[in-house]
Amino acid sequence: MILRQKVENYENVYINNFTIQNGFSDEGAGLSIENSEVDLENLLVINNQSNYQDISTKGAGLYVANN
């Protein structure tokens, strides 16, 4: 189980057989991926929350940018 993970500026990342849950953030509460090459397989992304009061909020469970 991962509570929150940020992947930034990586190549050839492989994430398999994980549950990503209970994250809270403005950007990618469960998993945030930026400027990276990532393969995702067999993931459960559950019960993640974004800061819904902030209009700049991006991605409760998963946020992906510039990939």
C-alpha atoms as a PDB file:
ATOM      1  CA  MET A   1       0.000   0.000   0.000  1.00  0.00           C
ATOM      2  CA  ILE A   2       1.212   3.487  -0.890  1.00  0.00           C
ATOM      3  CA  LEU A   3      -0.405   6.487   0.769  1.00  0.00           C
ATOM      4  CA  ARG A   4       0.926   9.056  -1.711  1.00  0.00           C
ATOM      5  CA  GLN A   5       3.731   8.931  -4.225  1.00  0.00           C
ATOM      6  CA  LYS A   6       5.195  11.502  -6.602  1.00  0.00           C
ATOM      7  CA  VAL A   7       7.156  10.333  -9.645  1.00  0.00           C
ATOM      8  CA  GLU A   8       8.995  13.176 -11.370  1.00  0.00           C
ATOM      9  CA  ASN A   9      11.702  13.198 -14.075  1.00  0.00           C
ATOM     10  CA  TYR A  10      12.121   9.420 -14.317  1.00  0.00           C
ATOM     11  CA  GLU A  11      12.318   7.016 -17.256  1.00  0.00           C
ATOM     12  CA  ASN A  12      11.267   3.371 -17.475  1.00  0.00           C
ATOM     13  CA  VAL A  13       9.314   3.189 -14.205  1.00  0.00           C
ATOM     14  CA  TYR A  14       7.061   0.138 -13.832  1.00  0.00           C
ATOM     15  CA  ILE A  15       4.452   0.030 -11.053  1.00  0.00           C
ATOM     16  CA  ASN A  16       2.579  -3.258 -10.702  1.00  0.00           C
ATOM     17  CA  ASN A  17       0.240  -4.895  -8.160  1.00  0.00           C
ATOM     18  CA  PHE A  18      -0.208  -1.968  -5.775  1.00  0.00           C
ATOM     19  CA  THR A  19      -3.081  -0.421  -3.880  1.00  0.00           C
ATOM     20  CA  ILE A  20      -2.819   3.361  -3.699  1.00  0.00           C
ATOM     21  CA  GLN A  21      -5.243   4.687  -1.118  1.00  0.00           C
ATOM     22  CA  ASN A  22      -6.144   7.335   1.452  1.00  0.00           C
ATOM     23  CA  GLY A  23      -4.090  10.134  -0.111  1.00  0.00           C
ATOM     24  CA  PHE A  24      -4.965  13.818   0.280  1.00  0.00           C
ATOM     25  CA  SER A  25      -3.316  16.544  -1.771  1.00  0.00           C
ATOM     26  CA  ASP A  26      -3.937  19.399  -4.207  1.00  0.00           C
ATOM     27  CA  GLU A  27      -2.200  17.505  -7.005  1.00  0.00           C
ATOM     28  CA  GLY A  28      -2.285  13.730  -7.409  1.00  0.00           C
ATOM     29  CA  ALA A  29      -3.489  12.696  -3.976  1.00  0.00           C
ATOM     30  CA  GLY A  30      -2.855   9.032  -4.776  1.00  0.00           C
ATOM     31  CA  LEU A  31      -0.176   9.181  -7.457  1.00  0.00           C
ATOM     32  CA  SER A  32       1.356  12.186  -9.209  1.00  0.00           C
ATOM     33  CA  ILE A  33       3.389  11.578 -12.384  1.00  0.00           C
ATOM     34  CA  GLU A  34       5.243  14.454 -14.069  1.00  0.00           C
ATOM     35  CA  ASN A  35       7.807  14.468 -16.878  1.00  0.00           C
ATOM     36  CA  SER A  36       8.214  10.701 -16.578  1.00  0.00           C
ATOM     37  CA  GLU A  37       7.816   7.503 -18.546  1.00  0.00           C
ATOM     38  CA  VAL A  38       5.709   5.190 -16.367  1.00  0.00           C
ATOM     39  CA  ASP A  39       3.915   1.885 -16.994  1.00  0.00           C
ATOM     40  CA  LEU A  40       1.041   1.130 -14.609  1.00  0.00           C
ATOM     41  CA  GLU A  41      -0.467  -2.337 -14.294  1.00  0.00           C
ATOM     42  CA  ASN A  42      -2.883  -4.008 -11.852  1.00  0.00           C
ATOM     43  CA  LEU A  43      -3.424  -0.973  -9.619  1.00  0.00           C
ATOM     44  CA  LEU A  44      -6.260  -0.197  -7.246  1.00  0.00           C
ATOM     45  CA  VAL A  45      -6.581   3.562  -6.707  1.00  0.00           C
ATOM     46  CA  ILE A  46      -9.175   4.094  -3.969  1.00  0.00           C
ATOM     47  CA  ASN A  47     -10.312   6.642  -1.390  1.00  0.00           C
ATOM     48  CA  ASN A  48      -8.014   9.503  -2.445  1.00  0.00           C
ATOM     49  CA  GLN A  49      -9.184  13.094  -2.048  1.00  0.00           C
ATOM     50  CA  SER A  50      -8.189  16.373  -3.608  1.00  0.00           C
ATOM     51  CA  ASN A  51      -8.537  19.721  -1.894  1.00  0.00           C
ATOM     52  CA  TYR A  52     -11.944  20.352  -3.452  1.00  0.00           C
ATOM     53  CA  GLN A  53     -12.154  23.915  -2.113  1.00  0.00           C
ATOM     54  CA  ASP A  54      -9.166  24.993  -4.227  1.00  0.00           C
ATOM     55  CA  ILE A  55     -10.088  25.537  -7.907  1.00  0.00           C
ATOM     56  CA  SER A  56      -6.506  24.759  -8.991  1.00  0.00           C
ATOM     57  CA  THR A  57      -6.811  21.203  -7.632  1.00  0.00           C
ATOM     58  CA  LYS A  58      -5.665  18.513 -10.060  1.00  0.00           C
ATOM     59  CA  GLY A  59      -6.403  14.794  -9.737  1.00  0.00           C
ATOM     60  CA  ALA A  60      -7.649  13.110  -6.593  1.00  0.00           C
ATOM     61  CA  GLY A  61      -6.557   9.566  -7.419  1.00  0.00           C
ATOM     62  CA  LEU A  62      -4.105  10.147 -10.249  1.00  0.00           C
ATOM     63  CA  TYR A  63      -2.485  13.246 -11.780  1.00  0.00           C
ATOM     64  CA  VAL A  64      -0.374  12.962 -14.946  1.00  0.00           C
ATOM     65  CA  ALA A  65       1.389  15.883 -16.679  1.00  0.00           C
ATOM     66  CA  ASN A  66       3.934  16.289 -19.497  1.00  0.00           C
ATOM     67  CA  ASN A  67       4.463  12.598 -20.139  1.00  0.00           C
END
